[in-house]
């Protein structure tokens, strides 16, 4: 793939690709529909990943708005894995779940989810059968909750969401945390 005057790779459709690592060790891969140095009006998708902390996000500006997908959210990851080529961060499922989260889920439950979700995602990603696990999460948490929300059965959706979160934490986060604690205690 040839490079332009700025050192970015450019494919045969004019899409520019640039990879960098910032001073904090976060890796960035950026895709631009036009050269950003020459066109203030350009669309872009940025993939940011911190391999040390196992977290990151995708930032998409192609629609004119800044849309961010958190890669440490296992509900989002389940949707991404299920939909693969047709994934959209504003898909119906995630739009409904975000609305429900903002309207019905307690602040404490949301904070708890965002603290433990990265540990769950990291643990699932290490499993050989992670695609099956994400399929299960999509079919039995995302899809079930979305259908209940559409029917107005908010209590069922909340209870299913909360019990599923706790079960996933028990299965995936607890063993990872215990392993970390054992390592720490061995060092003491």
N, C-alpha and C. Protein backbone atom coordinates (compact mmCIF):
# COMPACT_ATOMS: atom_id res chain seq x y z
N UNK A 1 0.85 -1.17 0.00
CA UNK A 1 0.00 0.00 0.00
C UNK A 1 0.90 1.24 0.00
N UNK A 2 0.67 2.16 -0.89
CA UNK A 2 1.51 3.37 -0.95
C UNK A 2 1.23 4.32 0.21
N UNK A 3 2.19 5.21 0.46
CA UNK A 3 2.04 6.24 1.49
C UNK A 3 1.87 7.60 0.84
N UNK A 4 1.17 8.51 1.54
CA UNK A 4 1.04 9.87 1.04
C UNK A 4 2.19 10.72 1.59
N UNK A 5 2.12 12.02 1.34
CA UNK A 5 3.19 12.94 1.77
C UNK A 5 3.32 13.03 3.29
N UNK A 6 2.30 12.57 4.03
CA UNK A 6 2.31 12.67 5.49
C UNK A 6 2.72 11.34 6.15
N UNK A 7 3.02 10.34 5.33
CA UNK A 7 3.43 9.04 5.85
C UNK A 7 2.28 8.09 6.13
N UNK A 8 1.04 8.50 5.82
CA UNK A 8 -0.11 7.64 6.01
C UNK A 8 -0.23 6.67 4.85
N UNK A 9 -0.67 5.46 5.15
CA UNK A 9 -0.96 4.51 4.09
C UNK A 9 -2.27 4.90 3.42
N UNK A 10 -2.35 4.75 2.09
CA UNK A 10 -3.56 5.10 1.34
C UNK A 10 -3.92 3.91 0.45
N UNK A 11 -5.18 3.43 0.59
CA UNK A 11 -5.58 2.32 -0.28
C UNK A 11 -6.06 2.84 -1.63
N UNK A 12 -6.49 1.92 -2.51
CA UNK A 12 -6.87 2.32 -3.86
C UNK A 12 -8.19 3.10 -3.91
N UNK A 13 -8.89 3.23 -2.80
CA UNK A 13 -10.12 4.02 -2.73
C UNK A 13 -9.88 5.38 -2.08
N UNK A 14 -8.64 5.68 -1.74
CA UNK A 14 -8.31 6.96 -1.13
C UNK A 14 -8.45 6.99 0.38
N UNK A 15 -8.73 5.85 0.99
CA UNK A 15 -8.86 5.80 2.45
C UNK A 15 -7.46 5.80 3.05
N UNK A 16 -7.24 6.72 3.99
CA UNK A 16 -5.95 6.81 4.67
C UNK A 16 -5.97 6.01 5.96
N UNK A 17 -4.87 5.36 6.24
CA UNK A 17 -4.74 4.56 7.45
C UNK A 17 -3.47 4.99 8.16
N UNK A 18 -3.61 5.28 9.46
CA UNK A 18 -2.47 5.74 10.24
C UNK A 18 -2.47 5.00 11.58
N UNK A 19 -1.32 4.50 11.97
CA UNK A 19 -1.18 3.82 13.26
C UNK A 19 -0.16 4.52 14.12
N UNK A 20 -0.52 4.75 15.39
CA UNK A 20 0.39 5.41 16.32
C UNK A 20 0.24 4.82 17.71
N UNK A 21 1.20 5.10 18.56
CA UNK A 21 1.12 4.79 19.98
C UNK A 21 1.40 6.09 20.72
N UNK A 22 0.49 6.46 21.64
CA UNK A 22 0.69 7.72 22.34
C UNK A 22 1.63 7.55 23.53
N UNK A 23 1.90 8.65 24.24
CA UNK A 23 2.86 8.63 25.34
C UNK A 23 2.42 7.77 26.52
N UNK A 24 1.10 7.42 26.58
CA UNK A 24 0.59 6.58 27.64
C UNK A 24 0.58 5.10 27.26
N UNK A 25 1.08 4.79 26.06
CA UNK A 25 1.13 3.41 25.61
C UNK A 25 -0.15 2.91 24.97
N UNK A 26 -1.09 3.82 24.70
CA UNK A 26 -2.34 3.44 24.04
C UNK A 26 -2.11 3.45 22.54
N UNK A 27 -2.47 2.33 21.90
CA UNK A 27 -2.31 2.21 20.45
C UNK A 27 -3.54 2.76 19.74
N UNK A 28 -3.31 3.43 18.61
CA UNK A 28 -4.38 4.05 17.84
C UNK A 28 -4.23 3.65 16.38
N UNK A 29 -5.32 3.22 15.78
CA UNK A 29 -5.37 3.02 14.33
C UNK A 29 -6.49 3.91 13.85
N UNK A 30 -6.20 4.76 12.89
CA UNK A 30 -7.18 5.71 12.39
C UNK A 30 -7.41 5.51 10.90
N UNK A 31 -8.66 5.59 10.50
CA UNK A 31 -9.05 5.49 9.09
C UNK A 31 -9.74 6.80 8.73
N UNK A 32 -9.31 7.42 7.65
CA UNK A 32 -9.87 8.69 7.20
C UNK A 32 -10.41 8.54 5.79
N UNK A 33 -11.59 9.12 5.51
CA UNK A 33 -12.12 9.05 4.15
C UNK A 33 -11.41 10.03 3.21
N UNK A 34 -10.78 11.06 3.79
CA UNK A 34 -9.98 12.05 3.05
C UNK A 34 -8.80 12.43 3.92
N UNK A 35 -7.77 12.94 3.32
CA UNK A 35 -6.58 13.33 4.07
C UNK A 35 -6.96 14.40 5.11
N UNK A 36 -6.80 14.13 6.40
CA UNK A 36 -7.19 15.09 7.43
C UNK A 36 -6.31 16.34 7.44
N UNK A 37 -5.09 16.21 6.96
CA UNK A 37 -4.20 17.38 6.93
C UNK A 37 -4.63 18.37 5.85
N UNK A 38 -5.34 17.88 4.85
CA UNK A 38 -5.73 18.74 3.73
C UNK A 38 -7.23 19.02 3.69
N UNK A 39 -8.02 18.28 4.47
CA UNK A 39 -9.48 18.43 4.44
C UNK A 39 -10.02 18.49 5.87
N UNK A 40 -10.43 19.67 6.28
CA UNK A 40 -11.00 19.80 7.62
C UNK A 40 -12.31 19.02 7.70
N UNK A 41 -13.00 18.89 6.57
CA UNK A 41 -14.26 18.17 6.49
C UNK A 41 -14.00 16.72 6.08
N UNK A 42 -13.56 15.92 7.05
CA UNK A 42 -13.28 14.51 6.76
C UNK A 42 -13.98 13.63 7.79
N UNK A 43 -14.29 12.42 7.38
CA UNK A 43 -14.85 11.44 8.30
C UNK A 43 -13.72 10.55 8.79
N UNK A 44 -13.90 9.97 9.96
CA UNK A 44 -12.84 9.12 10.48
C UNK A 44 -13.40 8.08 11.44
N UNK A 45 -12.65 7.01 11.56
CA UNK A 45 -12.91 6.00 12.58
C UNK A 45 -11.58 5.76 13.27
N UNK A 46 -11.58 5.84 14.58
CA UNK A 46 -10.37 5.65 15.37
C UNK A 46 -10.56 4.46 16.30
N UNK A 47 -9.64 3.53 16.26
CA UNK A 47 -9.65 2.41 17.18
C UNK A 47 -8.53 2.65 18.17
N UNK A 48 -8.89 2.75 19.43
CA UNK A 48 -7.93 3.04 20.49
C UNK A 48 -7.91 1.86 21.44
N UNK A 49 -6.73 1.29 21.68
CA UNK A 49 -6.67 0.12 22.55
C UNK A 49 -5.43 0.17 23.44
N UNK A 50 -5.65 -0.03 24.71
CA UNK A 50 -4.57 -0.06 25.69
C UNK A 50 -4.33 -1.52 26.05
N UNK A 51 -3.31 -2.14 25.46
CA UNK A 51 -3.04 -3.55 25.68
C UNK A 51 -2.66 -3.84 27.13
N UNK A 52 -2.07 -2.87 27.82
CA UNK A 52 -1.69 -3.08 29.21
C UNK A 52 -2.91 -3.16 30.12
N UNK A 53 -3.88 -2.30 29.89
CA UNK A 53 -5.06 -2.26 30.73
C UNK A 53 -6.26 -2.95 30.11
N UNK A 54 -6.08 -3.53 28.93
CA UNK A 54 -7.10 -4.31 28.24
C UNK A 54 -8.41 -3.54 28.06
N UNK A 55 -8.30 -2.33 27.62
CA UNK A 55 -9.51 -1.55 27.39
C UNK A 55 -9.32 -0.64 26.20
N UNK A 56 -10.41 -0.17 25.69
CA UNK A 56 -10.32 0.74 24.57
C UNK A 56 -11.69 1.12 24.06
N UNK A 57 -11.68 1.81 22.92
CA UNK A 57 -12.94 2.22 22.32
C UNK A 57 -12.76 2.43 20.83
N UNK A 58 -13.88 2.56 20.15
CA UNK A 58 -13.90 2.92 18.74
C UNK A 58 -14.65 4.24 18.66
N UNK A 59 -14.05 5.22 18.00
CA UNK A 59 -14.67 6.52 17.84
C UNK A 59 -14.95 6.71 16.35
N UNK A 60 -16.22 6.93 16.01
CA UNK A 60 -16.64 7.06 14.61
C UNK A 60 -17.19 8.46 14.41
N UNK A 61 -16.61 9.23 13.47
CA UNK A 61 -17.09 10.58 13.18
C UNK A 61 -17.65 10.69 11.77
N UNK A 62 -17.85 9.55 11.08
CA UNK A 62 -18.27 9.60 9.68
C UNK A 62 -19.66 10.19 9.50
N UNK A 63 -20.52 10.10 10.50
CA UNK A 63 -21.88 10.64 10.37
C UNK A 63 -21.93 12.14 10.67
N UNK A 64 -20.81 12.71 11.10
CA UNK A 64 -20.79 14.11 11.51
C UNK A 64 -20.85 14.25 13.02
N UNK A 65 -21.39 13.24 13.69
CA UNK A 65 -21.42 13.20 15.14
C UNK A 65 -20.29 12.30 15.63
N UNK A 66 -19.91 12.47 16.87
CA UNK A 66 -18.88 11.61 17.46
C UNK A 66 -19.58 10.48 18.20
N UNK A 67 -19.46 9.26 17.67
CA UNK A 67 -20.08 8.09 18.28
C UNK A 67 -18.97 7.20 18.83
N UNK A 68 -19.09 6.82 20.10
CA UNK A 68 -18.05 6.03 20.75
C UNK A 68 -18.60 4.68 21.19
N UNK A 69 -17.87 3.63 20.86
CA UNK A 69 -18.20 2.28 21.30
C UNK A 69 -17.15 1.85 22.31
N UNK A 70 -17.59 1.50 23.50
CA UNK A 70 -16.69 1.06 24.56
C UNK A 70 -16.40 -0.43 24.37
N UNK A 71 -15.15 -0.79 24.17
CA UNK A 71 -14.78 -2.18 23.94
C UNK A 71 -14.71 -3.00 25.21
N UNK A 72 -14.96 -2.39 26.36
CA UNK A 72 -14.94 -3.15 27.60
C UNK A 72 -16.35 -3.46 28.09
N UNK A 73 -17.35 -3.21 27.28
CA UNK A 73 -18.75 -3.47 27.63
C UNK A 73 -19.15 -4.80 26.99
N UNK A 74 -19.49 -5.80 27.80
CA UNK A 74 -19.77 -7.10 27.21
C UNK A 74 -21.12 -7.17 26.52
N UNK A 75 -22.05 -6.28 26.84
CA UNK A 75 -23.30 -6.25 26.08
C UNK A 75 -23.04 -5.73 24.67
N UNK A 76 -22.20 -4.69 24.56
CA UNK A 76 -21.81 -4.19 23.24
C UNK A 76 -21.01 -5.23 22.49
N UNK A 77 -20.07 -5.86 23.17
CA UNK A 77 -19.24 -6.88 22.52
C UNK A 77 -20.10 -8.02 22.03
N UNK A 78 -21.10 -8.41 22.79
CA UNK A 78 -22.01 -9.48 22.35
C UNK A 78 -22.74 -9.08 21.08
N UNK A 79 -23.19 -7.82 21.01
CA UNK A 79 -23.85 -7.34 19.79
C UNK A 79 -22.88 -7.31 18.62
N UNK A 80 -21.65 -6.86 18.88
CA UNK A 80 -20.65 -6.81 17.81
C UNK A 80 -20.36 -8.21 17.28
N UNK A 81 -20.20 -9.18 18.18
CA UNK A 81 -19.89 -10.54 17.76
C UNK A 81 -21.06 -11.17 17.00
N UNK A 82 -22.28 -10.89 17.41
CA UNK A 82 -23.47 -11.48 16.78
C UNK A 82 -23.68 -10.89 15.39
N UNK A 83 -23.51 -9.58 15.27
CA UNK A 83 -23.82 -8.91 14.01
C UNK A 83 -22.63 -8.82 13.06
N UNK A 84 -21.44 -8.99 13.59
CA UNK A 84 -20.19 -8.96 12.83
C UNK A 84 -20.18 -7.85 11.77
N UNK A 85 -20.37 -8.20 10.52
CA UNK A 85 -20.21 -7.24 9.41
C UNK A 85 -21.23 -6.11 9.42
N UNK A 86 -22.39 -6.34 10.03
CA UNK A 86 -23.43 -5.30 9.99
C UNK A 86 -23.55 -4.53 11.30
N UNK A 87 -22.55 -4.69 12.19
CA UNK A 87 -22.64 -4.02 13.49
C UNK A 87 -22.64 -2.51 13.34
N UNK A 88 -23.52 -1.88 14.11
CA UNK A 88 -23.62 -0.43 14.17
C UNK A 88 -23.77 -0.09 15.66
N UNK A 89 -22.94 0.82 16.15
CA UNK A 89 -22.99 1.17 17.56
C UNK A 89 -24.35 1.75 17.95
N UNK A 90 -25.09 2.22 16.98
CA UNK A 90 -26.43 2.74 17.26
C UNK A 90 -27.51 1.77 16.78
N UNK A 91 -27.18 0.47 16.80
CA UNK A 91 -28.17 -0.53 16.42
C UNK A 91 -29.36 -0.47 17.38
N UNK A 92 -30.45 -1.07 16.98
CA UNK A 92 -31.67 -1.02 17.78
C UNK A 92 -31.44 -1.54 19.20
N UNK A 93 -30.75 -2.66 19.32
CA UNK A 93 -30.54 -3.25 20.64
C UNK A 93 -29.81 -2.30 21.58
N UNK A 94 -28.68 -1.75 21.13
CA UNK A 94 -27.90 -0.88 22.01
C UNK A 94 -28.61 0.43 22.29
N UNK A 95 -29.34 0.95 21.30
CA UNK A 95 -30.10 2.18 21.51
C UNK A 95 -31.17 1.97 22.58
N UNK A 96 -31.88 0.84 22.51
CA UNK A 96 -32.91 0.54 23.51
C UNK A 96 -32.28 0.30 24.88
N UNK A 97 -31.18 -0.46 24.92
CA UNK A 97 -30.54 -0.74 26.21
C UNK A 97 -29.98 0.54 26.85
N UNK A 98 -29.43 1.43 26.04
CA UNK A 98 -28.93 2.70 26.60
C UNK A 98 -30.07 3.55 27.16
N UNK A 99 -31.17 3.60 26.41
CA UNK A 99 -32.34 4.35 26.89
C UNK A 99 -32.81 3.75 28.21
N UNK A 100 -32.92 2.43 28.27
CA UNK A 100 -33.37 1.75 29.48
C UNK A 100 -32.41 2.01 30.64
N UNK A 101 -31.11 1.91 30.36
CA UNK A 101 -30.10 2.18 31.40
C UNK A 101 -30.29 3.58 31.97
N UNK A 102 -30.44 4.57 31.09
CA UNK A 102 -30.55 5.96 31.52
C UNK A 102 -31.88 6.26 32.23
N UNK A 103 -32.93 5.54 31.85
CA UNK A 103 -34.26 5.82 32.40
C UNK A 103 -34.61 4.96 33.62
N UNK A 104 -34.06 3.74 33.72
CA UNK A 104 -34.55 2.82 34.74
C UNK A 104 -33.48 2.19 35.64
N UNK A 105 -32.26 2.09 35.19
CA UNK A 105 -31.24 1.39 35.98
C UNK A 105 -30.63 2.36 36.99
N UNK A 106 -30.51 1.90 38.24
CA UNK A 106 -29.98 2.78 39.29
C UNK A 106 -28.54 3.18 38.99
N UNK A 107 -28.17 4.34 39.50
CA UNK A 107 -26.81 4.85 39.31
C UNK A 107 -25.79 3.86 39.86
N UNK A 108 -26.10 3.26 41.02
CA UNK A 108 -25.20 2.30 41.65
C UNK A 108 -24.99 1.06 40.77
N UNK A 109 -26.08 0.57 40.16
CA UNK A 109 -25.97 -0.59 39.28
C UNK A 109 -25.16 -0.27 38.02
N UNK A 110 -25.35 0.92 37.49
CA UNK A 110 -24.58 1.33 36.30
C UNK A 110 -23.10 1.43 36.65
N UNK A 111 -22.79 2.08 37.76
CA UNK A 111 -21.39 2.21 38.18
C UNK A 111 -20.76 0.84 38.43
N UNK A 112 -21.51 -0.04 39.05
CA UNK A 112 -21.03 -1.40 39.31
C UNK A 112 -20.73 -2.12 38.00
N UNK A 113 -21.64 -2.01 37.05
CA UNK A 113 -21.44 -2.65 35.74
C UNK A 113 -20.15 -2.17 35.08
N UNK A 114 -19.95 -0.86 35.06
CA UNK A 114 -18.78 -0.32 34.37
C UNK A 114 -17.46 -0.61 35.10
N UNK A 115 -17.55 -0.94 36.38
CA UNK A 115 -16.34 -1.36 37.11
C UNK A 115 -15.99 -2.81 36.81
N UNK A 116 -17.01 -3.66 36.72
CA UNK A 116 -16.74 -5.10 36.55
C UNK A 116 -16.76 -5.56 35.10
N UNK A 117 -17.43 -4.85 34.21
CA UNK A 117 -17.54 -5.29 32.81
C UNK A 117 -16.18 -5.51 32.15
N UNK A 118 -15.19 -4.63 32.34
CA UNK A 118 -13.89 -4.88 31.70
C UNK A 118 -13.24 -6.18 32.16
N UNK A 119 -13.44 -6.54 33.43
CA UNK A 119 -12.87 -7.79 33.95
C UNK A 119 -13.58 -8.98 33.30
N UNK A 120 -14.90 -8.88 33.16
CA UNK A 120 -15.68 -9.94 32.52
C UNK A 120 -15.26 -10.08 31.05
N UNK A 121 -15.16 -8.97 30.33
CA UNK A 121 -14.77 -9.00 28.91
C UNK A 121 -13.39 -9.62 28.76
N UNK A 122 -12.45 -9.20 29.58
CA UNK A 122 -11.10 -9.74 29.51
C UNK A 122 -11.10 -11.25 29.76
N UNK A 123 -11.86 -11.68 30.74
CA UNK A 123 -11.93 -13.10 31.07
C UNK A 123 -12.59 -13.90 29.94
N UNK A 124 -13.69 -13.39 29.39
CA UNK A 124 -14.36 -14.07 28.28
C UNK A 124 -13.44 -14.14 27.07
N UNK A 125 -12.76 -13.04 26.77
CA UNK A 125 -11.89 -12.99 25.59
C UNK A 125 -10.76 -14.02 25.66
N UNK A 126 -10.38 -14.43 26.86
CA UNK A 126 -9.31 -15.42 27.03
C UNK A 126 -9.81 -16.86 26.81
N UNK A 127 -11.11 -17.05 26.75
CA UNK A 127 -11.68 -18.38 26.58
C UNK A 127 -11.68 -18.76 25.10
N UNK A 128 -11.40 -20.04 24.82
CA UNK A 128 -11.42 -20.51 23.44
C UNK A 128 -12.81 -20.41 22.82
N UNK A 129 -13.83 -20.61 23.63
CA UNK A 129 -15.20 -20.60 23.12
C UNK A 129 -15.88 -19.24 23.32
N UNK A 130 -15.12 -18.15 23.27
CA UNK A 130 -15.69 -16.83 23.57
C UNK A 130 -16.83 -16.44 22.62
N UNK A 131 -16.78 -16.86 21.38
CA UNK A 131 -17.87 -16.54 20.43
C UNK A 131 -19.18 -17.15 20.94
N UNK A 132 -19.13 -18.40 21.42
CA UNK A 132 -20.33 -19.04 21.96
C UNK A 132 -20.84 -18.31 23.20
N UNK A 133 -19.91 -17.85 24.03
CA UNK A 133 -20.30 -17.12 25.24
C UNK A 133 -21.00 -15.81 24.87
N UNK A 134 -20.43 -15.07 23.91
CA UNK A 134 -21.06 -13.82 23.48
C UNK A 134 -22.40 -14.08 22.79
N UNK A 135 -22.50 -15.18 22.04
CA UNK A 135 -23.80 -15.55 21.44
C UNK A 135 -24.83 -15.78 22.55
N UNK A 136 -24.41 -16.48 23.60
CA UNK A 136 -25.29 -16.75 24.73
C UNK A 136 -25.73 -15.43 25.38
N UNK A 137 -24.79 -14.52 25.60
CA UNK A 137 -25.13 -13.22 26.21
C UNK A 137 -26.10 -12.46 25.31
N UNK A 138 -25.85 -12.49 24.01
CA UNK A 138 -26.76 -11.78 23.09
C UNK A 138 -28.16 -12.39 23.16
N UNK A 139 -28.23 -13.72 23.02
CA UNK A 139 -29.54 -14.38 22.97
C UNK A 139 -30.29 -14.33 24.29
N UNK A 140 -29.60 -14.44 25.42
CA UNK A 140 -30.25 -14.60 26.72
C UNK A 140 -30.26 -13.36 27.61
N UNK A 141 -29.49 -12.36 27.24
CA UNK A 141 -29.52 -11.11 28.01
C UNK A 141 -29.98 -9.97 27.09
N UNK A 142 -29.18 -9.67 26.08
CA UNK A 142 -29.49 -8.53 25.20
C UNK A 142 -30.87 -8.70 24.57
N UNK A 143 -31.07 -9.77 23.84
CA UNK A 143 -32.31 -9.96 23.10
C UNK A 143 -33.52 -10.09 24.03
N UNK A 144 -33.37 -10.84 25.11
CA UNK A 144 -34.48 -11.02 26.05
C UNK A 144 -34.87 -9.68 26.69
N UNK A 145 -33.87 -8.93 27.12
CA UNK A 145 -34.16 -7.62 27.74
C UNK A 145 -34.77 -6.65 26.73
N UNK A 146 -34.23 -6.61 25.53
CA UNK A 146 -34.76 -5.69 24.50
C UNK A 146 -36.22 -6.02 24.21
N UNK A 147 -36.54 -7.30 24.05
CA UNK A 147 -37.93 -7.69 23.77
C UNK A 147 -38.85 -7.33 24.93
N UNK A 148 -38.39 -7.51 26.16
CA UNK A 148 -39.20 -7.13 27.32
C UNK A 148 -39.40 -5.62 27.37
N UNK A 149 -38.36 -4.86 27.08
CA UNK A 149 -38.47 -3.39 27.08
C UNK A 149 -39.46 -2.94 26.01
N UNK A 150 -39.39 -3.53 24.84
CA UNK A 150 -40.32 -3.17 23.76
C UNK A 150 -41.77 -3.42 24.16
N UNK A 151 -41.99 -4.46 24.98
CA UNK A 151 -43.35 -4.79 25.44
C UNK A 151 -43.75 -3.95 26.65
N UNK A 152 -42.81 -3.15 27.17
CA UNK A 152 -43.11 -2.33 28.34
C UNK A 152 -42.97 -3.08 29.64
N UNK A 153 -42.40 -4.27 29.61
CA UNK A 153 -42.21 -5.07 30.82
C UNK A 153 -40.86 -4.72 31.44
N UNK A 154 -40.80 -3.51 32.00
CA UNK A 154 -39.55 -2.96 32.51
C UNK A 154 -39.04 -3.71 33.75
N UNK A 155 -39.95 -4.16 34.60
CA UNK A 155 -39.52 -4.90 35.79
C UNK A 155 -38.82 -6.20 35.39
N UNK A 156 -39.41 -6.92 34.45
CA UNK A 156 -38.78 -8.17 33.99
C UNK A 156 -37.42 -7.86 33.38
N UNK A 157 -37.34 -6.82 32.53
CA UNK A 157 -36.07 -6.46 31.87
C UNK A 157 -35.01 -6.11 32.91
N UNK A 158 -35.39 -5.34 33.91
CA UNK A 158 -34.44 -4.93 34.95
C UNK A 158 -33.95 -6.14 35.75
N UNK A 159 -34.89 -7.00 36.14
CA UNK A 159 -34.52 -8.18 36.91
C UNK A 159 -33.66 -9.13 36.09
N UNK A 160 -33.99 -9.31 34.82
CA UNK A 160 -33.19 -10.19 33.95
C UNK A 160 -31.78 -9.60 33.77
N UNK A 161 -31.72 -8.29 33.52
CA UNK A 161 -30.44 -7.60 33.35
C UNK A 161 -29.59 -7.79 34.60
N UNK A 162 -30.17 -7.49 35.76
CA UNK A 162 -29.40 -7.53 37.00
C UNK A 162 -28.96 -8.95 37.36
N UNK A 163 -29.85 -9.92 37.25
CA UNK A 163 -29.48 -11.30 37.59
C UNK A 163 -28.44 -11.83 36.60
N UNK A 164 -28.54 -11.44 35.35
CA UNK A 164 -27.56 -11.88 34.34
C UNK A 164 -26.20 -11.27 34.61
N UNK A 165 -26.18 -10.00 34.97
CA UNK A 165 -24.92 -9.32 35.29
C UNK A 165 -24.25 -10.02 36.46
N UNK A 166 -25.01 -10.30 37.50
CA UNK A 166 -24.44 -10.96 38.68
C UNK A 166 -23.94 -12.37 38.35
N UNK A 167 -24.68 -13.10 37.53
CA UNK A 167 -24.25 -14.45 37.14
C UNK A 167 -22.97 -14.41 36.30
N UNK A 168 -22.89 -13.46 35.36
CA UNK A 168 -21.68 -13.33 34.54
C UNK A 168 -20.48 -12.92 35.39
N UNK A 169 -20.70 -12.04 36.34
CA UNK A 169 -19.61 -11.64 37.24
C UNK A 169 -19.12 -12.83 38.05
N UNK A 170 -20.07 -13.61 38.55
CA UNK A 170 -19.71 -14.78 39.36
C UNK A 170 -18.89 -15.78 38.53
N UNK A 171 -19.32 -15.99 37.29
CA UNK A 171 -18.65 -16.97 36.44
C UNK A 171 -17.31 -16.48 35.91
N UNK A 172 -17.22 -15.19 35.56
CA UNK A 172 -16.02 -14.70 34.87
C UNK A 172 -15.16 -13.74 35.68
N UNK A 173 -15.77 -12.81 36.41
CA UNK A 173 -14.97 -11.82 37.13
C UNK A 173 -14.38 -12.38 38.42
N UNK A 174 -15.19 -13.11 39.17
CA UNK A 174 -14.71 -13.62 40.46
C UNK A 174 -13.45 -14.48 40.29
N UNK A 175 -13.43 -15.47 39.38
CA UNK A 175 -12.21 -16.27 39.23
C UNK A 175 -10.99 -15.43 38.84
N UNK A 176 -11.20 -14.43 37.98
CA UNK A 176 -10.09 -13.56 37.57
C UNK A 176 -9.58 -12.75 38.76
N UNK A 177 -10.48 -12.24 39.57
CA UNK A 177 -10.08 -11.45 40.75
C UNK A 177 -9.39 -12.32 41.80
N UNK A 178 -9.88 -13.53 41.99
CA UNK A 178 -9.25 -14.45 42.94
C UNK A 178 -7.83 -14.77 42.48
N UNK A 179 -7.66 -15.00 41.19
CA UNK A 179 -6.32 -15.27 40.63
C UNK A 179 -5.37 -14.10 40.90
N UNK A 180 -5.88 -12.88 40.71
CA UNK A 180 -5.05 -11.68 40.97
C UNK A 180 -4.69 -11.60 42.45
N UNK A 181 -5.63 -11.89 43.32
CA UNK A 181 -5.37 -11.81 44.75
C UNK A 181 -4.32 -12.86 45.16
N UNK A 182 -4.40 -14.06 44.61
CA UNK A 182 -3.45 -15.10 44.92
C UNK A 182 -2.05 -14.67 44.50
N UNK A 183 -1.93 -14.07 43.31
CA UNK A 183 -0.63 -13.57 42.84
C UNK A 183 -0.06 -12.53 43.81
N UNK A 184 -0.91 -11.60 44.23
CA UNK A 184 -0.49 -10.54 45.14
C UNK A 184 -0.03 -11.15 46.48
N UNK A 185 -0.81 -12.09 47.00
CA UNK A 185 -0.47 -12.70 48.29
C UNK A 185 0.83 -13.49 48.21
N UNK A 186 1.10 -14.10 47.07
CA UNK A 186 2.36 -14.85 46.91
C UNK A 186 3.56 -13.91 46.89
N UNK A 187 3.34 -12.68 46.46
CA UNK A 187 4.44 -11.71 46.38
C UNK A 187 4.74 -11.10 47.75
N UNK A 188 3.80 -11.20 48.66
CA UNK A 188 3.98 -10.58 49.98
C UNK A 188 4.81 -11.44 50.89
